Amino acid sequence: MLTSLARIRSDDAATFYESRQGQRTALLLNGRLQSIMPPMRGRRILGIGYTAPYLPESAEFAVSGRLLHPQTQRTTRPTRSQTRNISWADCIVSSGRLPFDDLSMNAVLVVHGLEFTRFAPDFLRAIWRTLSDDGILTLVVPNRSGYWAHTDATPFGHGIPYSSGQLTRLLDQALFRIEHHSTALMTPPAALSVTHGRLMERAGRTLRLPCGGVHVVTARKNVYAGTPLIDEKLCVPLPRQVAEPA
């Protein structure tokens, strides 16, 4: 049974989250996100990729920015609980040019996003500009060494997965400072069709096992990052432009 389930291909994220397997995945990830994200009451949050199952209901304003990618283009209507407490907006965005004002968002949540971008540094720099100086970035990214990245039965098996080191270097180059880094989704995706996966998730979180299906990272803008020093040998002397007195 698990073998046949593993052979199922994910058509898109919307279809996946309508299934029992997708709903249990969202339940597990939401439990992890709620434990690491700050309270969103009265704040503005931008979700990029496919974040409809994960945007917090307590936010004052939420935008679901779906990437122009086959896995994330189709959308579903927000639930009543999502639209009852917050202003909800849905749109398709380009990964390199986010159509939002600078410093306009208190938080950015990326799920099914980073792995689908063509130029990850440009994508993160666009997020850096949109995020307020005291804002927080939360990333859920497929783990290269996890099982979820090696099966196309879920959206996490599409796109480019990342190792822990690759993700750390990428965020550092984009002037983000990591505050939390762990893994989630310890249960193989096929097994979530027959079990809730809570026991394995709790064990992996307690033991801090690195074998989870996704990285879960929170980071803040490194506003005061210094620029690299230039070697004096590379400096080119410029002629004086001020006339000296005779």
C-alpha atoms as a PDB file:
ATOM      1  CA  MET A   1       0.000   0.000   0.000  1.00  0.00           C
ATOM      2  CA  LEU A   2       2.761   2.442   0.921  1.00  0.00           C
ATOM      3  CA  THR A   3       4.616   1.545  -2.284  1.00  0.00           C
ATOM      4  CA  SER A   4       1.624   2.427  -4.461  1.00  0.00           C
ATOM      5  CA  LEU A   5       1.112   5.685  -2.566  1.00  0.00           C
ATOM      6  CA  ALA A   6       4.741   6.647  -3.090  1.00  0.00           C
ATOM      7  CA  ARG A   7       4.267   6.332  -6.859  1.00  0.00           C
ATOM      8  CA  ILE A   8       1.552   8.996  -6.945  1.00  0.00           C
ATOM      9  CA  ARG A   9       2.751  12.228  -8.519  1.00  0.00           C
ATOM     10  CA  SER A  10       1.750  15.617  -7.102  1.00  0.00           C
ATOM     11  CA  ASP A  11      -0.062  17.636  -9.785  1.00  0.00           C
ATOM     12  CA  ASP A  12       0.135  20.874  -7.790  1.00  0.00           C
ATOM     13  CA  ALA A  13       0.152  22.156  -4.228  1.00  0.00           C
ATOM     14  CA  ALA A  14      -3.580  22.928  -4.159  1.00  0.00           C
ATOM     15  CA  THR A  15      -4.468  19.336  -5.095  1.00  0.00           C
ATOM     16  CA  PHE A  16      -2.009  17.960  -2.556  1.00  0.00           C
ATOM     17  CA  TYR A  17      -3.444  19.969   0.350  1.00  0.00           C
ATOM     18  CA  GLU A  18      -6.975  18.860  -0.513  1.00  0.00           C
ATOM     19  CA  SER A  19      -5.927  15.247   0.146  1.00  0.00           C
ATOM     20  CA  ARG A  20      -5.718  13.540   3.538  1.00  0.00           C
ATOM     21  CA  GLN A  21      -1.942  13.334   3.179  1.00  0.00           C
ATOM     22  CA  GLY A  22      -1.718  17.070   2.502  1.00  0.00           C
ATOM     23  CA  GLN A  23      -3.994  17.985   5.390  1.00  0.00           C
ATOM     24  CA  ARG A  24      -1.881  15.971   7.817  1.00  0.00           C
ATOM     25  CA  THR A  25       1.270  17.561   6.407  1.00  0.00           C
ATOM     26  CA  ALA A  26      -0.183  21.025   7.008  1.00  0.00           C
ATOM     27  CA  LEU A  27      -1.195  20.033  10.535  1.00  0.00           C
ATOM     28  CA  LEU A  28       2.347  18.921  11.393  1.00  0.00           C
ATOM     29  CA  LEU A  29       4.019  21.960   9.841  1.00  0.00           C
ATOM     30  CA  ASN A  30       1.578  24.401  11.416  1.00  0.00           C
ATOM     31  CA  GLY A  31       2.402  22.957  14.818  1.00  0.00           C
ATOM     32  CA  ARG A  32       6.084  23.661  14.217  1.00  0.00           C
ATOM     33  CA  LEU A  33       5.504  27.136  12.743  1.00  0.00           C
ATOM     34  CA  GLN A  34       3.288  28.237  15.624  1.00  0.00           C
ATOM     35  CA  SER A  35       6.037  27.316  18.081  1.00  0.00           C
ATOM     36  CA  ILE A  36       8.744  29.444  16.412  1.00  0.00           C
ATOM     37  CA  MET A  37       6.937  32.384  14.795  1.00  0.00           C
ATOM     38  CA  PRO A  38       6.221  35.485  16.902  1.00  0.00           C
ATOM     39  CA  PRO A  39       2.581  36.556  17.521  1.00  0.00           C
ATOM     40  CA  MET A  40       1.078  38.044  14.356  1.00  0.00           C
ATOM     41  CA  ARG A  41      -1.855  39.869  15.957  1.00  0.00           C
ATOM     42  CA  GLY A  42      -2.102  43.348  14.482  1.00  0.00           C
ATOM     43  CA  ARG A  43       0.716  42.712  12.010  1.00  0.00           C
ATOM     44  CA  ARG A  44       1.056  42.385   8.238  1.00  0.00           C
ATOM     45  CA  ILE A  45       2.320  39.109   6.790  1.00  0.00           C
ATOM     46  CA  LEU A  46       3.238  38.139   3.238  1.00  0.00           C
ATOM     47  CA  GLY A  47       3.163  34.507   2.182  1.00  0.00           C
ATOM     48  CA  ILE A  48       5.160  33.531  -0.913  1.00  0.00           C
ATOM     49  CA  GLY A  49       4.980  30.247  -2.819  1.00  0.00           C
ATOM     50  CA  TYR A  50       1.890  28.372  -1.680  1.00  0.00           C
ATOM     51  CA  THR A  51       1.092  29.444   1.874  1.00  0.00           C
ATOM     52  CA  ALA A  52      -2.703  29.329   2.107  1.00  0.00           C
ATOM     53  CA  PRO A  53      -2.663  26.418   4.624  1.00  0.00           C
ATOM     54  CA  TYR A  54      -0.085  28.202   6.803  1.00  0.00           C
ATOM     55  CA  LEU A  55      -0.916  31.918   7.045  1.00  0.00           C
ATOM     56  CA  PRO A  56      -1.848  32.734  10.671  1.00  0.00           C
ATOM     57  CA  GLU A  57      -5.427  33.807  11.277  1.00  0.00           C
ATOM     58  CA  SER A  58      -4.442  36.353  13.905  1.00  0.00           C
ATOM     59  CA  ALA A  59      -2.671  38.692  11.457  1.00  0.00           C
ATOM     60  CA  GLU A  60      -4.230  42.055  10.703  1.00  0.00           C
ATOM     61  CA  PHE A  61      -3.509  41.744   6.981  1.00  0.00           C
ATOM     62  CA  ALA A  62      -2.292  38.758   4.958  1.00  0.00           C
ATOM     63  CA  VAL A  63      -1.230  38.425   1.329  1.00  0.00           C
ATOM     64  CA  SER A  64      -0.891  35.048  -0.362  1.00  0.00           C
ATOM     65  CA  GLY A  65       1.605  35.607  -3.174  1.00  0.00           C
ATOM     66  CA  ARG A  66       1.633  32.499  -5.354  1.00  0.00           C
ATOM     67  CA  LEU A  67       4.679  32.051  -7.578  1.00  0.00           C
ATOM     68  CA  LEU A  68       4.248  31.676 -11.317  1.00  0.00           C
ATOM     69  CA  HIS A  69       5.041  27.955 -11.281  1.00  0.00           C
ATOM     70  CA  PRO A  70       2.956  24.866 -12.191  1.00  0.00           C
ATOM     71  CA  GLN A  71       3.044  23.661  -8.570  1.00  0.00           C
ATOM     72  CA  THR A  72       1.796  26.930  -7.054  1.00  0.00           C
ATOM     73  CA  GLN A  73      -0.361  28.705  -9.678  1.00  0.00           C
ATOM     74  CA  ARG A  74      -3.737  27.202  -8.785  1.00  0.00           C
ATOM     75  CA  THR A  75      -5.384  28.513  -5.656  1.00  0.00           C
ATOM     76  CA  THR A  76      -8.213  27.575  -3.357  1.00  0.00           C
ATOM     77  CA  ARG A  77     -10.599  29.885  -1.586  1.00  0.00           C
ATOM     78  CA  PRO A  78      -9.574  30.929   1.939  1.00  0.00           C
ATOM     79  CA  THR A  79     -11.471  29.305   4.755  1.00  0.00           C
ATOM     80  CA  ARG A  80     -14.099  31.200   6.739  1.00  0.00           C
ATOM     81  CA  SER A  81     -11.806  31.361   9.748  1.00  0.00           C
ATOM     82  CA  GLN A  82      -9.092  32.976   7.622  1.00  0.00           C
ATOM     83  CA  THR A  83     -11.342  35.671   6.158  1.00  0.00           C
ATOM     84  CA  ARG A  84     -13.288  36.348   9.364  1.00  0.00           C
ATOM     85  CA  ASN A  85     -10.421  37.882  11.328  1.00  0.00           C
ATOM     86  CA  ILE A  86      -8.040  39.287   8.696  1.00  0.00           C
ATOM     87  CA  SER A  87      -8.002  41.180   5.441  1.00  0.00           C
ATOM     88  CA  TRP A  88      -7.037  38.580   2.870  1.00  0.00           C
ATOM     89  CA  ALA A  89      -5.496  39.148  -0.576  1.00  0.00           C
ATOM     90  CA  ASP A  90      -4.353  36.648  -3.170  1.00  0.00           C
ATOM     91  CA  CYS A  91      -2.120  37.256  -6.188  1.00  0.00           C
ATOM     92  CA  ILE A  92       0.562  35.775  -8.438  1.00  0.00           C
ATOM     93  CA  VAL A  93       4.028  37.288  -8.045  1.00  0.00           C
ATOM     94  CA  SER A  94       7.388  37.107  -9.763  1.00  0.00           C
ATOM     95  CA  SER A  95      10.164  35.796  -7.542  1.00  0.00           C
ATOM     96  CA  GLY A  96      12.599  38.569  -8.445  1.00  0.00           C
ATOM     97  CA  ARG A  97      10.194  41.529  -8.346  1.00  0.00           C
ATOM     98  CA  LEU A  98       7.727  41.575  -5.498  1.00  0.00           C
ATOM     99  CA  PRO A  99       4.982  44.191  -6.080  1.00  0.00           C
ATOM    100  CA  PHE A 100       5.025  45.547  -2.526  1.00  0.00           C
ATOM    101  CA  ASP A 101       6.411  48.717  -0.973  1.00  0.00           C
ATOM    102  CA  ASP A 102       9.754  48.671   0.798  1.00  0.00           C
ATOM    103  CA  LEU A 103       9.520  47.903   4.541  1.00  0.00           C
ATOM    104  CA  SER A 104       5.792  47.202   4.170  1.00  0.00           C
ATOM    105  CA  MET A 105       5.587  43.729   5.777  1.00  0.00           C
ATOM    106  CA  ASN A 106       6.181  42.710   9.392  1.00  0.00           C
ATOM    107  CA  ALA A 107       6.709  39.073   8.452  1.00  0.00           C
ATOM    108  CA  VAL A 108       7.324  36.986   5.334  1.00  0.00           C
ATOM    109  CA  LEU A 109       6.518  33.276   5.199  1.00  0.00           C
ATOM    110  CA  VAL A 110       7.928  31.202   2.318  1.00  0.00           C
ATOM    111  CA  VAL A 111       6.583  27.690   1.715  1.00  0.00           C
ATOM    112  CA  HIS A 112       6.976  25.995  -1.698  1.00  0.00           C
ATOM    113  CA  GLY A 113       8.828  29.100  -2.807  1.00  0.00           C
ATOM    114  CA  LEU A 114      12.616  29.130  -2.552  1.00  0.00           C
ATOM    115  CA  GLU A 115      13.028  25.790  -4.336  1.00  0.00           C
ATOM    116  CA  PHE A 116      11.065  27.071  -7.347  1.00  0.00           C
ATOM    117  CA  THR A 117      12.956  30.321  -7.914  1.00  0.00           C
ATOM    118  CA  ARG A 118      15.439  30.645 -10.772  1.00  0.00           C
ATOM    119  CA  PHE A 119      17.713  33.076  -8.937  1.00  0.00           C
ATOM    120  CA  ALA A 120      17.524  32.505  -5.191  1.00  0.00           C
ATOM    121  CA  PRO A 121      19.762  35.484  -4.244  1.00  0.00           C
ATOM    122  CA  ASP A 122      17.528  37.918  -6.157  1.00  0.00           C
ATOM    123  CA  PHE A 123      14.465  36.366  -4.541  1.00  0.00           C
ATOM    124  CA  LEU A 124      15.855  36.826  -1.027  1.00  0.00           C
ATOM    125  CA  ARG A 125      16.984  40.375  -1.750  1.00  0.00           C
ATOM    126  CA  ALA A 126      13.450  41.228  -2.923  1.00  0.00           C
ATOM    127  CA  ILE A 127      12.140  39.850   0.378  1.00  0.00           C
ATOM    128  CA  TRP A 128      14.802  41.854   2.272  1.00  0.00           C
ATOM    129  CA  ARG A 129      13.511  45.090   0.728  1.00  0.00           C
ATOM    130  CA  THR A 130       9.862  44.272   1.459  1.00  0.00           C
ATOM    131  CA  LEU A 131      10.450  43.255   5.085  1.00  0.00           C
ATOM    132  CA  SER A 132      10.499  45.871   7.830  1.00  0.00           C
ATOM    133  CA  ASP A 133      13.781  46.339   9.701  1.00  0.00           C
ATOM    134  CA  ASP A 134      12.453  44.471  12.752  1.00  0.00           C
ATOM    135  CA  GLY A 135      10.517  41.937  10.663  1.00  0.00           C
ATOM    136  CA  ILE A 136      11.055  38.177  10.522  1.00  0.00           C
ATOM    137  CA  LEU A 137      11.481  35.778   7.610  1.00  0.00           C
ATOM    138  CA  THR A 138      10.294  32.182   7.984  1.00  0.00           C
ATOM    139  CA  LEU A 139      11.352  29.596   5.413  1.00  0.00           C
ATOM    140  CA  VAL A 140      10.173  26.031   4.859  1.00  0.00           C
ATOM    141  CA  VAL A 141      12.542  24.434   2.342  1.00  0.00           C
ATOM    142  CA  PRO A 142      12.988  20.803   1.181  1.00  0.00           C
ATOM    143  CA  ASN A 143      15.932  19.097   2.879  1.00  0.00           C
ATOM    144  CA  ARG A 144      18.368  17.617   0.354  1.00  0.00           C
ATOM    145  CA  SER A 145      19.149  14.682   2.663  1.00  0.00           C
ATOM    146  CA  GLY A 146      15.514  14.011   3.599  1.00  0.00           C
ATOM    147  CA  TYR A 147      13.177  11.513   1.955  1.00  0.00           C
ATOM    148  CA  TRP A 148      10.578  14.128   0.981  1.00  0.00           C
ATOM    149  CA  ALA A 149      12.912  15.732  -1.568  1.00  0.00           C
ATOM    150  CA  HIS A 150      13.338  12.439  -3.422  1.00  0.00           C
ATOM    151  CA  THR A 151       9.714  11.622  -4.226  1.00  0.00           C
ATOM    152  CA  ASP A 152       7.466  13.667  -6.499  1.00  0.00           C
ATOM    153  CA  ALA A 153       4.345  12.532  -4.628  1.00  0.00           C
ATOM    154  CA  THR A 154       4.286  15.902  -2.823  1.00  0.00           C
ATOM    155  CA  PRO A 155       5.181  19.495  -3.820  1.00  0.00           C
ATOM    156  CA  PHE A 156       8.302  19.202  -1.642  1.00  0.00           C
ATOM    157  CA  GLY A 157       9.709  16.712  -4.184  1.00  0.00           C
ATOM    158  CA  HIS A 158       9.782  19.316  -6.955  1.00  0.00           C
ATOM    159  CA  GLY A 159      12.278  22.115  -7.458  1.00  0.00           C
ATOM    160  CA  ILE A 160      15.756  22.381  -5.928  1.00  0.00           C
ATOM    161  CA  PRO A 161      16.275  21.027  -2.372  1.00  0.00           C
ATOM    162  CA  TYR A 162      18.912  22.539  -0.093  1.00  0.00           C
ATOM    163  CA  SER A 163      21.384  21.227   2.439  1.00  0.00           C
ATOM    164  CA  SER A 164      21.810  22.974   5.772  1.00  0.00           C
ATOM    165  CA  GLY A 165      25.084  24.526   4.690  1.00  0.00           C
ATOM    166  CA  GLN A 166      23.728  25.770   1.374  1.00  0.00           C
ATOM    167  CA  LEU A 167      20.782  27.431   3.082  1.00  0.00           C
ATOM    168  CA  THR A 168      22.990  29.064   5.715  1.00  0.00           C
ATOM    169  CA  ARG A 169      25.371  30.511   3.108  1.00  0.00           C
ATOM    170  CA  LEU A 170      22.523  31.722   0.924  1.00  0.00           C
ATOM    171  CA  LEU A 171      20.852  33.613   3.763  1.00  0.00           C
ATOM    172  CA  ASP A 172      24.144  35.060   4.942  1.00  0.00           C
ATOM    173  CA  GLN A 173      24.908  36.389   1.456  1.00  0.00           C
ATOM    174  CA  ALA A 174      21.433  37.952   1.320  1.00  0.00           C
ATOM    175  CA  LEU A 175      22.120  39.784   4.614  1.00  0.00           C
ATOM    176  CA  PHE A 176      19.856  37.655   6.813  1.00  0.00           C
ATOM    177  CA  ARG A 177      20.806  36.463  10.299  1.00  0.00           C
ATOM    178  CA  ILE A 178      19.445  33.023  11.216  1.00  0.00           C
ATOM    179  CA  GLU A 179      17.718  32.811  14.606  1.00  0.00           C
ATOM    180  CA  HIS A 180      16.267  29.303  14.423  1.00  0.00           C
ATOM    181  CA  HIS A 181      17.076  26.308  12.228  1.00  0.00           C
ATOM    182  CA  SER A 182      15.542  22.870  12.634  1.00  0.00           C
ATOM    183  CA  THR A 183      13.983  20.137  10.513  1.00  0.00           C
ATOM    184  CA  ALA A 184      10.401  18.871  10.353  1.00  0.00           C
ATOM    185  CA  LEU A 185       8.308  16.147   8.674  1.00  0.00           C
ATOM    186  CA  MET A 186      10.134  13.144  10.113  1.00  0.00           C
ATOM    187  CA  THR A 187       7.478  10.734   8.823  1.00  0.00           C
ATOM    188  CA  PRO A 188       7.851   9.654   5.171  1.00  0.00           C
ATOM    189  CA  PRO A 189       5.113  11.179   3.000  1.00  0.00           C
ATOM    190  CA  ALA A 190       3.534   7.850   2.044  1.00  0.00           C
ATOM    191  CA  ALA A 191       3.112   6.923   5.712  1.00  0.00           C
ATOM    192  CA  LEU A 192       1.042  10.081   6.367  1.00  0.00           C
ATOM    193  CA  SER A 193      -1.791   8.492   4.415  1.00  0.00           C
ATOM    194  CA  VAL A 194      -2.212   5.919   7.165  1.00  0.00           C
ATOM    195  CA  THR A 195      -0.885   7.725  10.263  1.00  0.00           C
ATOM    196  CA  HIS A 196      -0.881  11.250  11.677  1.00  0.00           C
ATOM    197  CA  GLY A 197       2.896  11.216  12.198  1.00  0.00           C
ATOM    198  CA  ARG A 198       2.721  13.094  15.496  1.00  0.00           C
ATOM    199  CA  LEU A 199       4.813  10.585  17.454  1.00  0.00           C
ATOM    200  CA  MET A 200       7.747  10.669  15.029  1.00  0.00           C
ATOM    201  CA  GLU A 201       7.494  14.448  14.757  1.00  0.00           C
ATOM    202  CA  ARG A 202       7.646  14.828  18.533  1.00  0.00           C
ATOM    203  CA  ALA A 203      10.605  12.441  18.768  1.00  0.00           C
ATOM    204  CA  GLY A 204      12.496  14.233  16.009  1.00  0.00           C
ATOM    205  CA  ARG A 205      11.896  17.599  17.624  1.00  0.00           C
ATOM    206  CA  THR A 206      13.032  16.385  21.050  1.00  0.00           C
ATOM    207  CA  LEU A 207      16.157  14.627  19.759  1.00  0.00           C
ATOM    208  CA  ARG A 208      16.849  17.345  17.138  1.00  0.00           C
ATOM    209  CA  LEU A 209      17.280  14.784  14.385  1.00  0.00           C
ATOM    210  CA  PRO A 210      18.660  16.227  11.112  1.00  0.00           C
ATOM    211  CA  CYS A 211      16.778  13.774   8.881  1.00  0.00           C
ATOM    212  CA  GLY A 212      13.514  15.718   8.537  1.00  0.00           C
ATOM    213  CA  GLY A 213      11.930  16.282   5.170  1.00  0.00           C
ATOM    214  CA  VAL A 214      12.158  20.071   5.326  1.00  0.00           C
ATOM    215  CA  HIS A 215      14.259  22.802   6.881  1.00  0.00           C
ATOM    216  CA  VAL A 216      12.339  25.249   9.063  1.00  0.00           C
ATOM    217  CA  VAL A 217      14.260  28.502   9.434  1.00  0.00           C
ATOM    218  CA  THR A 218      13.543  31.897  10.947  1.00  0.00           C
ATOM    219  CA  ALA A 219      15.842  34.813  10.153  1.00  0.00           C
ATOM    220  CA  ARG A 220      15.986  38.576  10.575  1.00  0.00           C
ATOM    221  CA  LYS A 221      17.504  41.300   8.452  1.00  0.00           C
ATOM    222  CA  ASN A 222      21.145  41.973   9.174  1.00  0.00           C
ATOM    223  CA  VAL A 223      20.643  45.727   8.884  1.00  0.00           C
ATOM    224  CA  TYR A 224      24.067  46.618  10.240  1.00  0.00           C
ATOM    225  CA  ALA A 225      26.094  44.209   8.127  1.00  0.00           C
ATOM    226  CA  GLY A 226      29.450  45.685   7.165  1.00  0.00           C
ATOM    227  CA  THR A 227      30.858  45.748   3.649  1.00  0.00           C
ATOM    228  CA  PRO A 228      33.984  43.684   2.943  1.00  0.00           C
ATOM    229  CA  LEU A 229      37.286  45.508   3.265  1.00  0.00           C
ATOM    230  CA  ILE A 230      39.088  46.249   0.015  1.00  0.00           C
ATOM    231  CA  ASP A 231      42.690  45.144  -0.285  1.00  0.00           C
ATOM    232  CA  GLU A 232      44.970  48.174  -0.547  1.00  0.00           C
ATOM    233  CA  LYS A 233      46.740  46.535  -3.494  1.00  0.00           C
ATOM    234  CA  LEU A 234      43.478  46.684  -5.455  1.00  0.00           C
ATOM    235  CA  CYS A 235      42.959  50.404  -4.841  1.00  0.00           C
ATOM    236  CA  VAL A 236      43.582  52.642  -7.836  1.00  0.00           C
ATOM    237  CA  PRO A 237      45.016  56.093  -7.020  1.00  0.00           C
ATOM    238  CA  LEU A 238      42.894  58.909  -8.438  1.00  0.00           C
ATOM    239  CA  PRO A 239      44.362  62.229  -9.564  1.00  0.00           C
ATOM    240  CA  ARG A 240      43.690  65.193  -7.297  1.00  0.00           C
ATOM    241  CA  GLN A 241      40.747  67.278  -8.430  1.00  0.00           C
ATOM    242  CA  VAL A 242      41.390  70.298  -6.153  1.00  0.00           C
ATOM    243  CA  ALA A 243      43.701  72.975  -7.476  1.00  0.00           C
ATOM    244  CA  GLU A 244      46.651  73.650  -5.173  1.00  0.00           C
ATOM    245  CA  PRO A 245      47.567  77.305  -4.396  1.00  0.00           C
ATOM    246  CA  ALA A 246      50.454  78.733  -6.394  1.00  0.00           C
END
